[in-house]
């Protein structure tokens, strides 16, 4: 999210995680709120984010369902579809992703 300083700071880390783990089944789905499509598209291009990205209004159905109260919020979902980790901007995503992938 271009308006969110912690999200901007996290972008390069997410790109690195994606590049490292995508061949092992790791995927990212980004969800933006409070931005225009043009700003989101420019942010994606600038940071070379190669994963699926969508938008929804503030307090939209995904944010409501997953009880998102701050940004960035992360959910690591295991191969069986269950949430194996959840956190905010200070989450050690590399550790959580490795654990979800079975330490591989």
PDB file of N, CA and C in Angstrom:
ATOM      1  N   UNK A   1       0.832  -1.162   0.000  1.00  0.00           N
ATOM      2  CA  UNK A   1       0.000   0.000   0.000  1.00  0.00           C
ATOM      3  C   UNK A   1       0.887   1.240   0.000  1.00  0.00           C
ATOM      4  N   UNK A   2       0.829   1.998  -1.021  1.00  0.00           N
ATOM      5  CA  UNK A   2       1.704   3.166  -1.126  1.00  0.00           C
ATOM      6  C   UNK A   2       1.573   4.167   0.011  1.00  0.00           C
ATOM      7  N   UNK A   3       0.411   4.274   0.662  1.00  0.00           N
ATOM      8  CA  UNK A   3       0.216   5.249   1.735  1.00  0.00           C
ATOM      9  C   UNK A   3       0.747   4.752   3.078  1.00  0.00           C
ATOM     10  N   UNK A   4       1.076   3.481   3.176  1.00  0.00           N
ATOM     11  CA  UNK A   4       1.444   2.823   4.431  1.00  0.00           C
ATOM     12  C   UNK A   4       2.961   2.642   4.500  1.00  0.00           C
ATOM     13  N   UNK A   5       3.633   3.437   5.355  1.00  0.00           N
ATOM     14  CA  UNK A   5       5.098   3.373   5.441  1.00  0.00           C
ATOM     15  C   UNK A   5       5.610   1.965   5.787  1.00  0.00           C
ATOM     16  N   UNK A   6       5.018   1.238   6.749  1.00  0.00           N
ATOM     17  CA  UNK A   6       5.495  -0.120   7.017  1.00  0.00           C
ATOM     18  C   UNK A   6       5.289  -1.065   5.823  1.00  0.00           C
ATOM     19  N   UNK A   7       4.236  -0.831   5.038  1.00  0.00           N
ATOM     20  CA  UNK A   7       4.001  -1.658   3.844  1.00  0.00           C
ATOM     21  C   UNK A   7       5.073  -1.386   2.790  1.00  0.00           C
ATOM     22  N   UNK A   8       5.410  -0.121   2.617  1.00  0.00           N
ATOM     23  CA  UNK A   8       6.460   0.256   1.664  1.00  0.00           C
ATOM     24  C   UNK A   8       7.782  -0.365   2.104  1.00  0.00           C
ATOM     25  N   UNK A   9       8.064  -0.308   3.401  1.00  0.00           N
ATOM     26  CA  UNK A   9       9.296  -0.896   3.932  1.00  0.00           C
ATOM     27  C   UNK A   9       9.323  -2.407   3.739  1.00  0.00           C
ATOM     28  N   UNK A  10       8.168  -3.062   3.828  1.00  0.00           N
ATOM     29  CA  UNK A  10       8.093  -4.520   3.704  1.00  0.00           C
ATOM     30  C   UNK A  10       8.185  -5.006   2.262  1.00  0.00           C
ATOM     31  N   UNK A  11       7.892  -4.157   1.302  1.00  0.00           N
ATOM     32  CA  UNK A  11       7.830  -4.584  -0.103  1.00  0.00           C
ATOM     33  C   UNK A  11       9.092  -5.302  -0.573  1.00  0.00           C
ATOM     34  N   UNK A  12      10.294  -4.759  -0.380  1.00  0.00           N
ATOM     35  CA  UNK A  12      11.481  -5.483  -0.845  1.00  0.00           C
ATOM     36  C   UNK A  12      11.676  -6.833  -0.153  1.00  0.00           C
ATOM     37  N   UNK A  13      11.293  -6.915   1.118  1.00  0.00           N
ATOM     38  CA  UNK A  13      11.402  -8.183   1.848  1.00  0.00           C
ATOM     39  C   UNK A  13      10.450  -9.219   1.264  1.00  0.00           C
ATOM     40  N   UNK A  14       9.232  -8.788   0.915  1.00  0.00           N
ATOM     41  CA  UNK A  14       8.274  -9.709   0.312  1.00  0.00           C
ATOM     42  C   UNK A  14       8.752 -10.184  -1.054  1.00  0.00           C
ATOM     43  N   UNK A  15       9.320  -9.279  -1.840  1.00  0.00           N
ATOM     44  CA  UNK A  15       9.858  -9.656  -3.149  1.00  0.00           C
ATOM     45  C   UNK A  15      10.960 -10.697  -2.969  1.00  0.00           C
ATOM     46  N   UNK A  16      11.841 -10.483  -2.009  1.00  0.00           N
ATOM     47  CA  UNK A  16      12.925 -11.442  -1.756  1.00  0.00           C
ATOM     48  C   UNK A  16      12.370 -12.796  -1.313  1.00  0.00           C
ATOM     49  N   UNK A  17      11.382 -12.796  -0.412  1.00  0.00           N
ATOM     50  CA  UNK A  17      10.748 -14.055   0.011  1.00  0.00           C
ATOM     51  C   UNK A  17      10.119 -14.780  -1.166  1.00  0.00           C
ATOM     52  N   UNK A  18       9.415 -14.032  -1.981  1.00  0.00           N
ATOM     53  CA  UNK A  18       8.746 -14.635  -3.136  1.00  0.00           C
ATOM     54  C   UNK A  18       9.775 -15.244  -4.082  1.00  0.00           C
ATOM     55  N   UNK A  19      10.833 -14.509  -4.359  1.00  0.00           N
ATOM     56  CA  UNK A  19      11.868 -15.017  -5.255  1.00  0.00           C
ATOM     57  C   UNK A  19      12.550 -16.257  -4.683  1.00  0.00           C
ATOM     58  N   UNK A  20      12.708 -16.304  -3.375  1.00  0.00           N
ATOM     59  CA  UNK A  20      13.386 -17.429  -2.721  1.00  0.00           C
ATOM     60  C   UNK A  20      12.508 -18.675  -2.642  1.00  0.00           C
ATOM     61  N   UNK A  21      11.232 -18.513  -2.327  1.00  0.00           N
ATOM     62  CA  UNK A  21      10.400 -19.661  -1.987  1.00  0.00           C
ATOM     63  C   UNK A  21       9.307 -20.026  -2.989  1.00  0.00           C
ATOM     64  N   UNK A  22       9.093 -19.254  -4.008  1.00  0.00           N
ATOM     65  CA  UNK A  22       7.961 -19.556  -4.903  1.00  0.00           C
ATOM     66  C   UNK A  22       8.109 -20.900  -5.606  1.00  0.00           C
ATOM     67  N   UNK A  23       9.331 -21.306  -5.912  1.00  0.00           N
ATOM     68  CA  UNK A  23       9.542 -22.611  -6.558  1.00  0.00           C
ATOM     69  C   UNK A  23       9.191 -23.764  -5.613  1.00  0.00           C
ATOM     70  N   UNK A  24       9.070 -23.471  -4.333  1.00  0.00           N
ATOM     71  CA  UNK A  24       8.728 -24.488  -3.335  1.00  0.00           C
ATOM     72  C   UNK A  24       7.245 -24.458  -2.968  1.00  0.00           C
ATOM     73  N   UNK A  25       6.473 -23.654  -3.701  1.00  0.00           N
ATOM     74  CA  UNK A  25       5.035 -23.608  -3.470  1.00  0.00           C
ATOM     75  C   UNK A  25       4.539 -22.386  -2.726  1.00  0.00           C
ATOM     76  N   UNK A  26       5.430 -21.458  -2.401  1.00  0.00           N
ATOM     77  CA  UNK A  26       5.041 -20.242  -1.682  1.00  0.00           C
ATOM     78  C   UNK A  26       4.375 -19.265  -2.639  1.00  0.00           C
ATOM     79  N   UNK A  27       3.239 -18.744  -2.229  1.00  0.00           N
ATOM     80  CA  UNK A  27       2.523 -17.739  -3.026  1.00  0.00           C
ATOM     81  C   UNK A  27       2.147 -16.575  -2.131  1.00  0.00           C
ATOM     82  N   UNK A  28       1.985 -15.436  -2.745  1.00  0.00           N
ATOM     83  CA  UNK A  28       1.519 -14.236  -2.054  1.00  0.00           C
ATOM     84  C   UNK A  28       0.268 -13.749  -2.761  1.00  0.00           C
ATOM     85  N   UNK A  29      -0.699 -13.323  -1.988  1.00  0.00           N
ATOM     86  CA  UNK A  29      -1.851 -12.600  -2.520  1.00  0.00           C
ATOM     87  C   UNK A  29      -1.875 -11.278  -1.765  1.00  0.00           C
ATOM     88  N   UNK A  30      -1.666 -10.195  -2.482  1.00  0.00           N
ATOM     89  CA  UNK A  30      -1.666  -8.876  -1.877  1.00  0.00           C
ATOM     90  C   UNK A  30      -3.043  -8.248  -1.978  1.00  0.00           C
ATOM     91  N   UNK A  31      -3.451  -7.591  -0.916  1.00  0.00           N
ATOM     92  CA  UNK A  31      -4.748  -6.918  -0.901  1.00  0.00           C
ATOM     93  C   UNK A  31      -4.522  -5.480  -0.453  1.00  0.00           C
ATOM     94  N   UNK A  32      -4.895  -4.553  -1.292  1.00  0.00           N
ATOM     95  CA  UNK A  32      -4.708  -3.136  -1.019  1.00  0.00           C
ATOM     96  C   UNK A  32      -6.044  -2.500  -0.677  1.00  0.00           C
ATOM     97  N   UNK A  33      -5.973  -1.489   0.146  1.00  0.00           N
ATOM     98  CA  UNK A  33      -7.146  -0.690   0.460  1.00  0.00           C
ATOM     99  C   UNK A  33      -6.725   0.775   0.548  1.00  0.00           C
ATOM    100  N   UNK A  34      -7.627   1.660   0.305  1.00  0.00           N
ATOM    101  CA  UNK A  34      -7.428   3.103   0.418  1.00  0.00           C
ATOM    102  C   UNK A  34      -6.548   3.718  -0.668  1.00  0.00           C
ATOM    103  N   UNK A  35      -6.281   3.024  -1.743  1.00  0.00           N
ATOM    104  CA  UNK A  35      -5.493   3.571  -2.838  1.00  0.00           C
ATOM    105  C   UNK A  35      -6.293   3.514  -4.128  1.00  0.00           C
ATOM    106  N   UNK A  36      -5.822   4.251  -5.114  1.00  0.00           N
ATOM    107  CA  UNK A  36      -6.426   4.155  -6.439  1.00  0.00           C
ATOM    108  C   UNK A  36      -5.743   3.029  -7.205  1.00  0.00           C
ATOM    109  N   UNK A  37      -6.410   2.528  -8.201  1.00  0.00           N
ATOM    110  CA  UNK A  37      -5.839   1.476  -9.043  1.00  0.00           C
ATOM    111  C   UNK A  37      -4.526   1.941  -9.665  1.00  0.00           C
ATOM    112  N   UNK A  38      -4.455   3.209 -10.055  1.00  0.00           N
ATOM    113  CA  UNK A  38      -3.243   3.750 -10.671  1.00  0.00           C
ATOM    114  C   UNK A  38      -2.074   3.729  -9.690  1.00  0.00           C
ATOM    115  N   UNK A  39      -2.306   4.127  -8.440  1.00  0.00           N
ATOM    116  CA  UNK A  39      -1.243   4.115  -7.433  1.00  0.00           C
ATOM    117  C   UNK A  39      -0.778   2.687  -7.137  1.00  0.00           C
ATOM    118  N   UNK A  40      -1.730   1.766  -7.052  1.00  0.00           N
ATOM    119  CA  UNK A  40      -1.383   0.372  -6.788  1.00  0.00           C
ATOM    120  C   UNK A  40      -0.567  -0.192  -7.945  1.00  0.00           C
ATOM    121  N   UNK A  41      -0.997   0.070  -9.166  1.00  0.00           N
ATOM    122  CA  UNK A  41      -0.270  -0.424 -10.341  1.00  0.00           C
ATOM    123  C   UNK A  41       1.157   0.124 -10.381  1.00  0.00           C
ATOM    124  N   UNK A  42       1.320   1.405 -10.072  1.00  0.00           N
ATOM    125  CA  UNK A  42       2.654   2.013 -10.062  1.00  0.00           C
ATOM    126  C   UNK A  42       3.515   1.393  -8.956  1.00  0.00           C
ATOM    127  N   UNK A  43       2.923   1.147  -7.783  1.00  0.00           N
ATOM    128  CA  UNK A  43       3.648   0.544  -6.663  1.00  0.00           C
ATOM    129  C   UNK A  43       4.107  -0.867  -7.016  1.00  0.00           C
ATOM    130  N   UNK A  44       3.224  -1.639  -7.622  1.00  0.00           N
ATOM    131  CA  UNK A  44       3.553  -3.007  -8.037  1.00  0.00           C
ATOM    132  C   UNK A  44       4.701  -2.997  -9.042  1.00  0.00           C
ATOM    133  N   UNK A  45       4.614  -2.121 -10.025  1.00  0.00           N
ATOM    134  CA  UNK A  45       5.671  -2.034 -11.043  1.00  0.00           C
ATOM    135  C   UNK A  45       6.993  -1.583 -10.436  1.00  0.00           C
ATOM    136  N   UNK A  46       6.948  -0.570  -9.584  1.00  0.00           N
ATOM    137  CA  UNK A  46       8.160  -0.037  -8.966  1.00  0.00           C
ATOM    138  C   UNK A  46       8.900  -1.090  -8.149  1.00  0.00           C
ATOM    139  N   UNK A  47       8.147  -1.925  -7.439  1.00  0.00           N
ATOM    140  CA  UNK A  47       8.752  -2.921  -6.561  1.00  0.00           C
ATOM    141  C   UNK A  47       8.860  -4.303  -7.193  1.00  0.00           C
ATOM    142  N   UNK A  48       8.431  -4.413  -8.448  1.00  0.00           N
ATOM    143  CA  UNK A  48       8.530  -5.678  -9.191  1.00  0.00           C
ATOM    144  C   UNK A  48       7.848  -6.837  -8.462  1.00  0.00           C
ATOM    145  N   UNK A  49       6.625  -6.570  -8.043  1.00  0.00           N
ATOM    146  CA  UNK A  49       5.828  -7.574  -7.346  1.00  0.00           C
ATOM    147  C   UNK A  49       5.134  -8.453  -8.388  1.00  0.00           C
ATOM    148  N   UNK A  50       5.516  -9.724  -8.423  1.00  0.00           N
ATOM    149  CA  UNK A  50       5.046 -10.620  -9.479  1.00  0.00           C
ATOM    150  C   UNK A  50       3.882 -11.513  -9.054  1.00  0.00           C
ATOM    151  N   UNK A  51       3.274 -11.225  -7.937  1.00  0.00           N
ATOM    152  CA  UNK A  51       2.185 -12.069  -7.439  1.00  0.00           C
ATOM    153  C   UNK A  51       0.836 -11.389  -7.646  1.00  0.00           C
ATOM    154  N   UNK A  52      -0.223 -12.156  -7.354  1.00  0.00           N
ATOM    155  CA  UNK A  52      -1.584 -11.639  -7.502  1.00  0.00           C
ATOM    156  C   UNK A  52      -1.827 -10.497  -6.527  1.00  0.00           C
ATOM    157  N   UNK A  53      -2.454  -9.467  -6.993  1.00  0.00           N
ATOM    158  CA  UNK A  53      -2.751  -8.289  -6.167  1.00  0.00           C
ATOM    159  C   UNK A  53      -4.181  -7.865  -6.458  1.00  0.00           C
ATOM    160  N   UNK A  54      -4.923  -7.566  -5.410  1.00  0.00           N
ATOM    161  CA  UNK A  54      -6.292  -7.108  -5.581  1.00  0.00           C
ATOM    162  C   UNK A  54      -6.538  -5.920  -4.656  1.00  0.00           C
ATOM    163  N   UNK A  55      -7.706  -5.356  -4.778  1.00  0.00           N
ATOM    164  CA  UNK A  55      -8.080  -4.205  -3.955  1.00  0.00           C
ATOM    165  C   UNK A  55      -9.456  -4.451  -3.352  1.00  0.00           C
ATOM    166  N   UNK A  56      -9.671  -3.867  -2.198  1.00  0.00           N
ATOM    167  CA  UNK A  56     -10.994  -3.876  -1.602  1.00  0.00           C
ATOM    168  C   UNK A  56     -11.137  -2.631  -0.749  1.00  0.00           C
ATOM    169  N   UNK A  57     -12.366  -2.207  -0.501  1.00  0.00           N
ATOM    170  CA  UNK A  57     -12.564  -1.006   0.321  1.00  0.00           C
ATOM    171  C   UNK A  57     -12.179  -1.274   1.772  1.00  0.00           C
ATOM    172  N   UNK A  58     -11.959  -0.208   2.523  1.00  0.00           N
ATOM    173  CA  UNK A  58     -11.665  -0.347   3.942  1.00  0.00           C
ATOM    174  C   UNK A  58     -12.791  -1.121   4.610  1.00  0.00           C
ATOM    175  N   UNK A  59     -12.417  -2.040   5.478  1.00  0.00           N
ATOM    176  CA  UNK A  59     -13.367  -2.935   6.161  1.00  0.00           C
ATOM    177  C   UNK A  59     -14.143  -3.791   5.164  1.00  0.00           C
ATOM    178  N   UNK A  60     -13.485  -4.130   4.054  1.00  0.00           N
ATOM    179  CA  UNK A  60     -14.091  -4.993   3.043  1.00  0.00           C
ATOM    180  C   UNK A  60     -14.236  -6.413   3.561  1.00  0.00           C
ATOM    181  N   UNK A  61     -14.761  -7.311   2.732  1.00  0.00           N
ATOM    182  CA  UNK A  61     -15.065  -8.666   3.203  1.00  0.00           C
ATOM    183  C   UNK A  61     -13.843  -9.469   3.650  1.00  0.00           C
ATOM    184  N   UNK A  62     -12.705  -9.312   2.986  1.00  0.00           N
ATOM    185  CA  UNK A  62     -11.515 -10.073   3.392  1.00  0.00           C
ATOM    186  C   UNK A  62     -10.974  -9.534   4.711  1.00  0.00           C
ATOM    187  N   UNK A  63     -10.893  -8.203   4.822  1.00  0.00           N
ATOM    188  CA  UNK A  63     -10.422  -7.617   6.080  1.00  0.00           C
ATOM    189  C   UNK A  63     -11.336  -7.977   7.243  1.00  0.00           C
ATOM    190  N   UNK A  64     -12.625  -8.005   6.992  1.00  0.00           N
ATOM    191  CA  UNK A  64     -13.589  -8.345   8.031  1.00  0.00           C
ATOM    192  C   UNK A  64     -13.472  -9.819   8.408  1.00  0.00           C
ATOM    193  N   UNK A  65     -13.430 -10.691   7.414  1.00  0.00           N
ATOM    194  CA  UNK A  65     -13.350 -12.128   7.665  1.00  0.00           C
ATOM    195  C   UNK A  65     -12.108 -12.491   8.463  1.00  0.00           C
ATOM    196  N   UNK A  66     -10.965 -11.883   8.102  1.00  0.00           N
ATOM    197  CA  UNK A  66      -9.702 -12.217   8.759  1.00  0.00           C
ATOM    198  C   UNK A  66      -9.358 -11.275   9.911  1.00  0.00           C
ATOM    199  N   UNK A  67     -10.271 -10.363  10.231  1.00  0.00           N
ATOM    200  CA  UNK A  67     -10.106  -9.436  11.360  1.00  0.00           C
ATOM    201  C   UNK A  67      -8.814  -8.627  11.258  1.00  0.00           C
ATOM    202  N   UNK A  68      -8.599  -8.051  10.096  1.00  0.00           N
ATOM    203  CA  UNK A  68      -7.423  -7.207   9.870  1.00  0.00           C
ATOM    204  C   UNK A  68      -7.678  -5.852  10.523  1.00  0.00           C
ATOM    205  N   UNK A  69      -6.801  -5.479  11.439  1.00  0.00           N
ATOM    206  CA  UNK A  69      -6.952  -4.215  12.160  1.00  0.00           C
ATOM    207  C   UNK A  69      -5.782  -3.272  11.948  1.00  0.00           C
ATOM    208  N   UNK A  70      -4.799  -3.676  11.171  1.00  0.00           N
ATOM    209  CA  UNK A  70      -3.630  -2.851  10.914  1.00  0.00           C
ATOM    210  C   UNK A  70      -2.912  -3.328   9.671  1.00  0.00           C
ATOM    211  N   UNK A  71      -1.993  -2.511   9.219  1.00  0.00           N
ATOM    212  CA  UNK A  71      -1.278  -2.826   7.985  1.00  0.00           C
ATOM    213  C   UNK A  71       0.217  -2.678   8.191  1.00  0.00           C
ATOM    214  N   UNK A  72       1.030  -3.539   7.630  1.00  0.00           N
ATOM    215  CA  UNK A  72       0.643  -4.751   6.918  1.00  0.00           C
ATOM    216  C   UNK A  72       0.278  -5.874   7.899  1.00  0.00           C
ATOM    217  N   UNK A  73      -0.613  -6.725   7.481  1.00  0.00           N
ATOM    218  CA  UNK A  73      -0.981  -7.919   8.224  1.00  0.00           C
ATOM    219  C   UNK A  73      -0.683  -9.108   7.324  1.00  0.00           C
ATOM    220  N   UNK A  74      -0.112 -10.147   7.909  1.00  0.00           N
ATOM    221  CA  UNK A  74       0.277 -11.332   7.148  1.00  0.00           C
ATOM    222  C   UNK A  74      -0.439 -12.564   7.679  1.00  0.00           C
ATOM    223  N   UNK A  75      -0.811 -13.435   6.760  1.00  0.00           N
ATOM    224  CA  UNK A  75      -1.334 -14.748   7.114  1.00  0.00           C
ATOM    225  C   UNK A  75      -0.557 -15.761   6.295  1.00  0.00           C
ATOM    226  N   UNK A  76      -0.001 -16.746   6.962  1.00  0.00           N
ATOM    227  CA  UNK A  76       0.678 -17.845   6.283  1.00  0.00           C
ATOM    228  C   UNK A  76      -0.310 -19.003   6.327  1.00  0.00           C
ATOM    229  N   UNK A  77      -0.687 -19.459   5.164  1.00  0.00           N
ATOM    230  CA  UNK A  77      -1.686 -20.516   5.058  1.00  0.00           C
ATOM    231  C   UNK A  77      -0.992 -21.776   4.558  1.00  0.00           C
ATOM    232  N   UNK A  78      -1.147 -22.848   5.313  1.00  0.00           N
ATOM    233  CA  UNK A  78      -0.499 -24.109   4.980  1.00  0.00           C
ATOM    234  C   UNK A  78      -1.120 -24.775   3.763  1.00  0.00           C
ATOM    235  N   UNK A  79      -0.463 -25.798   3.319  1.00  0.00           N
ATOM    236  CA  UNK A  79      -0.927 -26.529   2.132  1.00  0.00           C
ATOM    237  C   UNK A  79      -2.330 -27.112   2.321  1.00  0.00           C
ATOM    238  N   UNK A  80      -2.716 -27.352   3.578  1.00  0.00           N
ATOM    239  CA  UNK A  80      -4.044 -27.907   3.845  1.00  0.00           C
ATOM    240  C   UNK A  80      -5.115 -26.826   3.986  1.00  0.00           C
ATOM    241  N   UNK A  81      -4.725 -25.550   3.815  1.00  0.00           N
ATOM    242  CA  UNK A  81      -5.685 -24.458   3.864  1.00  0.00           C
ATOM    243  C   UNK A  81      -5.874 -23.829   5.218  1.00  0.00           C
ATOM    244  N   UNK A  82      -5.183 -24.313   6.241  1.00  0.00           N
ATOM    245  CA  UNK A  82      -5.317 -23.716   7.566  1.00  0.00           C
ATOM    246  C   UNK A  82      -4.286 -22.604   7.753  1.00  0.00           C
ATOM    247  N   UNK A  83      -4.640 -21.632   8.574  1.00  0.00           N
ATOM    248  CA  UNK A  83      -3.715 -20.550   8.900  1.00  0.00           C
ATOM    249  C   UNK A  83      -2.701 -21.108   9.891  1.00  0.00           C
ATOM    250  N   UNK A  84      -1.425 -21.093   9.500  1.00  0.00           N
ATOM    251  CA  UNK A  84      -0.374 -21.624  10.364  1.00  0.00           C
ATOM    252  C   UNK A  84       0.365 -20.513  11.102  1.00  0.00           C
ATOM    253  N   UNK A  85       0.233 -19.282  10.628  1.00  0.00           N
ATOM    254  CA  UNK A  85       0.850 -18.136  11.312  1.00  0.00           C
ATOM    255  C   UNK A  85       0.133 -16.873  10.872  1.00  0.00           C
ATOM    256  N   UNK A  86       0.082 -15.921  11.771  1.00  0.00           N
ATOM    257  CA  UNK A  86      -0.504 -14.622  11.470  1.00  0.00           C
ATOM    258  C   UNK A  86       0.274 -13.578  12.239  1.00  0.00           C
ATOM    259  N   UNK A  87       0.390 -12.414  11.653  1.00  0.00           N
ATOM    260  CA  UNK A  87       1.114 -11.360  12.343  1.00  0.00           C
ATOM    261  C   UNK A  87       1.024 -10.045  11.607  1.00  0.00           C
ATOM    262  N   UNK A  88       1.745  -9.093  12.150  1.00  0.00           N
ATOM    263  CA  UNK A  88       1.771  -7.758  11.572  1.00  0.00           C
ATOM    264  C   UNK A  88       3.165  -7.475  11.021  1.00  0.00           C
ATOM    265  N   UNK A  89       3.444  -6.218  10.772  1.00  0.00           N
ATOM    266  CA  UNK A  89       4.688  -5.823  10.140  1.00  0.00           C
ATOM    267  C   UNK A  89       5.957  -6.311  10.801  1.00  0.00           C
ATOM    268  N   UNK A  90       5.918  -6.659  12.090  1.00  0.00           N
ATOM    269  CA  UNK A  90       7.127  -7.112  12.769  1.00  0.00           C
ATOM    270  C   UNK A  90       7.289  -8.627  12.757  1.00  0.00           C
ATOM    271  N   UNK A  91       6.490  -9.329  11.992  1.00  0.00           N
ATOM    272  CA  UNK A  91       6.551 -10.779  11.893  1.00  0.00           C
ATOM    273  C   UNK A  91       7.823 -11.205  11.171  1.00  0.00           C
ATOM    274  N   UNK A  92       8.496 -12.246  11.675  1.00  0.00           N
ATOM    275  CA  UNK A  92       9.657 -12.810  10.998  1.00  0.00           C
ATOM    276  C   UNK A  92       9.135 -13.735   9.896  1.00  0.00           C
ATOM    277  N   UNK A  93       8.834 -13.141   8.760  1.00  0.00           N
ATOM    278  CA  UNK A  93       8.209 -13.889   7.675  1.00  0.00           C
ATOM    279  C   UNK A  93       9.095 -15.001   7.142  1.00  0.00           C
ATOM    280  N   UNK A  94      10.391 -14.775   7.047  1.00  0.00           N
ATOM    281  CA  UNK A  94      11.280 -15.808   6.529  1.00  0.00           C
ATOM    282  C   UNK A  94      11.193 -17.063   7.389  1.00  0.00           C
ATOM    283  N   UNK A  95      11.250 -16.897   8.692  1.00  0.00           N
ATOM    284  CA  UNK A  95      11.142 -18.036   9.606  1.00  0.00           C
ATOM    285  C   UNK A  95       9.790 -18.731   9.473  1.00  0.00           C
ATOM    286  N   UNK A  96       8.719 -17.945   9.417  1.00  0.00           N
ATOM    287  CA  UNK A  96       7.373 -18.511   9.331  1.00  0.00           C
ATOM    288  C   UNK A  96       7.155 -19.265   8.007  1.00  0.00           C
ATOM    289  N   UNK A  97       7.656 -18.695   6.917  1.00  0.00           N
ATOM    290  CA  UNK A  97       7.502 -19.354   5.611  1.00  0.00           C
ATOM    291  C   UNK A  97       8.303 -20.658   5.585  1.00  0.00           C
ATOM    292  N   UNK A  98       9.540 -20.628   6.077  1.00  0.00           N
ATOM    293  CA  UNK A  98      10.349 -21.850   6.128  1.00  0.00           C
ATOM    294  C   UNK A  98       9.640 -22.925   6.944  1.00  0.00           C
ATOM    295  N   UNK A  99       9.071 -22.535   8.073  1.00  0.00           N
ATOM    296  CA  UNK A  99       8.363 -23.507   8.919  1.00  0.00           C
ATOM    297  C   UNK A  99       7.154 -24.067   8.188  1.00  0.00           C
ATOM    298  N   UNK A 100       6.405 -23.215   7.500  1.00  0.00           N
ATOM    299  CA  UNK A 100       5.218 -23.668   6.778  1.00  0.00           C
ATOM    300  C   UNK A 100       5.584 -24.612   5.630  1.00  0.00           C
ATOM    301  N   UNK A 101       6.762 -24.407   5.063  1.00  0.00           N
ATOM    302  CA  UNK A 101       7.215 -25.251   3.964  1.00  0.00           C
ATOM    303  C   UNK A 101       7.953 -26.496   4.484  1.00  0.00           C
ATOM    304  N   UNK A 102       7.873 -26.717   5.762  1.00  0.00           N
ATOM    305  CA  UNK A 102       8.509 -27.905   6.340  1.00  0.00           C
ATOM    306  C   UNK A 102      10.017 -27.765   6.502  1.00  0.00           C
ATOM    307  N   UNK A 103      10.469 -26.517   6.682  1.00  0.00           N
ATOM    308  CA  UNK A 103      11.893 -26.299   6.895  1.00  0.00           C
ATOM    309  C   UNK A 103      12.742 -26.449   5.655  1.00  0.00           C
ATOM    310  N   UNK A 104      12.098 -26.629   4.495  1.00  0.00           N
ATOM    311  CA  UNK A 104      12.861 -26.849   3.258  1.00  0.00           C
ATOM    312  C   UNK A 104      13.481 -25.582   2.758  1.00  0.00           C
TER     313      UNK A 104
END
